[in-house]
Protein backbone atom coordinates (compact mmCIF):
# COMPACT_ATOMS: atom_id res chain seq x y z
CA MET A 1 0.00 0.00 0.00
CA ASN A 2 1.31 3.45 -0.82
CA ALA A 3 1.33 6.37 1.57
CA PHE A 4 -1.68 8.09 0.03
CA SER A 5 -3.78 4.94 0.25
CA ALA A 6 -2.70 4.43 3.84
CA LEU A 7 -3.71 7.98 4.71
CA ALA A 8 -7.11 7.64 3.06
CA ASP A 9 -8.38 6.26 6.37
CA ASP A 10 -9.46 8.79 9.03
CA THR A 11 -8.02 6.78 11.92
CA ARG A 12 -4.63 6.46 10.27
CA ARG A 13 -4.52 10.20 9.56
CA GLU A 14 -5.36 10.83 13.23
CA ILE A 15 -2.57 8.46 14.30
CA VAL A 16 -0.06 10.35 12.15
CA SER A 17 -1.28 13.68 13.56
CA LEU A 18 -0.96 12.33 17.08
CA LEU A 19 2.61 11.18 16.44
CA ALA A 20 3.46 14.50 14.80
CA ARG A 21 2.21 16.35 17.90
CA LYS A 22 3.56 14.04 20.60
CA GLY A 23 6.64 12.49 19.02
CA GLU A 24 7.53 8.85 19.73
CA LEU A 25 4.81 6.83 21.38
CA PRO A 26 4.34 3.16 22.23
CA ALA A 27 1.33 1.39 20.73
CA ASN A 28 -0.52 1.29 24.06
CA GLN A 29 -0.30 5.10 24.37
CA ILE A 30 -1.56 5.49 20.82
CA SER A 31 -4.45 3.10 21.54
CA LYS A 32 -5.58 5.19 24.51
CA ASN A 33 -6.50 8.00 22.11
CA PHE A 34 -8.99 5.91 20.13
CA ALA A 35 -12.25 4.13 20.88
CA MET A 36 -11.13 0.84 19.35
CA THR A 37 -9.26 -2.27 20.38
CA ALA A 38 -5.50 -2.45 20.64
CA PRO A 39 -5.37 -5.09 17.85
CA ALA A 40 -7.28 -2.72 15.56
CA ILE A 41 -4.78 0.06 16.28
CA SER A 42 -1.93 -2.41 15.71
CA GLN A 43 -3.35 -3.16 12.26
CA HIS A 44 -3.47 0.56 11.45
CA LEU A 45 0.12 0.95 12.67
CA LYS A 46 1.20 -1.96 10.51
CA ILE A 47 -0.35 -0.38 7.40
CA LEU A 48 1.22 3.00 8.13
CA LYS A 49 4.60 1.37 8.71
CA GLU A 50 4.40 -0.67 5.49
CA ALA A 51 3.52 2.53 3.61
CA ARG A 52 6.59 4.19 5.19
CA VAL A 53 4.49 6.96 6.75
CA ILE A 54 5.61 5.99 10.25
CA GLN A 55 8.56 4.06 11.61
CA MET A 56 9.00 1.78 14.57
CA LYS A 57 12.01 1.16 16.76
CA LYS A 58 12.38 -1.39 19.52
CA GLN A 59 13.53 -0.17 22.89
CA ALA A 60 13.80 -3.06 25.35
CA GLN A 61 10.34 -4.68 25.32
CA MET A 62 8.66 -1.58 23.90
CA ARG A 63 7.97 -0.63 20.30
CA LEU A 64 8.05 3.10 19.76
CA TYR A 65 6.31 4.64 16.76
CA SER A 66 7.09 8.00 15.17
CA VAL A 67 6.48 9.85 11.93
CA ASN A 68 8.85 8.79 9.16
CA GLU A 69 10.18 12.05 7.76
CA ALA A 70 11.60 10.33 4.65
CA GLY A 71 8.18 8.91 3.83
CA LEU A 72 6.56 12.31 4.20
CA ASP A 73 9.29 13.85 2.05
CA GLU A 74 8.39 11.44 -0.77
CA MET A 75 4.76 12.50 -0.55
CA GLU A 76 5.68 16.18 -0.46
CA LYS A 77 7.94 15.78 -3.50
CA TRP A 78 5.08 14.21 -5.46
CA ILE A 79 2.66 16.95 -4.39
CA VAL A 80 5.14 19.67 -5.41
CA GLU A 81 5.59 18.06 -8.84
CA VAL A 82 1.83 17.87 -9.40
CA ARG A 83 1.45 21.47 -8.26
CA LYS A 84 4.12 22.57 -10.76
CA LEU A 85 2.28 20.78 -13.57
CA TRP A 86 -1.00 22.47 -12.63
CA GLN A 87 0.64 25.88 -12.36
CA LYS A 88 2.11 25.38 -15.81
CA ARG A 89 -1.32 24.45 -17.19
CA PHE A 90 -2.99 27.44 -15.53
CA HIS A 91 -0.28 29.72 -16.89
CA SER A 92 -0.91 28.35 -20.41
CA LEU A 93 -4.65 28.81 -19.94
CA GLY A 94 -4.07 32.40 -18.78
CA GLU A 95 -1.98 33.13 -21.86
CA TYR A 96 -4.65 31.61 -24.10
CA LEU A 97 -7.43 33.64 -22.47
CA THR A 98 -5.39 36.85 -22.77
CA ARG A 99 -4.76 36.13 -26.45
CA LEU A 100 -8.44 35.31 -27.02
CA LYS A 101 -9.52 38.52 -25.28
CA LYS A 102 -7.14 40.58 -27.44
CA GLU A 103 -8.45 38.91 -30.60
CA ARG A 104 -12.07 39.61 -29.64
CA SER A 105 -11.37 43.22 -28.73
CA SER A 106 -9.61 43.79 -32.06
CA GLY A 107 -12.50 42.17 -33.96
CA LYS A 108 -10.66 39.05 -35.13
CA THR A 109 -13.27 36.54 -33.90
């Protein structure tokens, strides 16, 4: 699953927001913020980890989860590229509309 698919779910977006606000948290602390079972939260964490949106590190018996900056960077890079393409298209549309307006005002319709 890619990062965008993983973040299509409300709960997973809330988990990422929680980790962004609080930093590293163990799964049990994450679970306390949701009205669902710990296994359900674990499944969400697994999906987010597989999509590289979050990362997990083991510390003794505890698994600590945090936002994966590299995964977010990949998403941001894609968004920036799409934005550039749209800006280019809007610029071309603006030039076309300006040209069309000039032609109409000069009577070349």
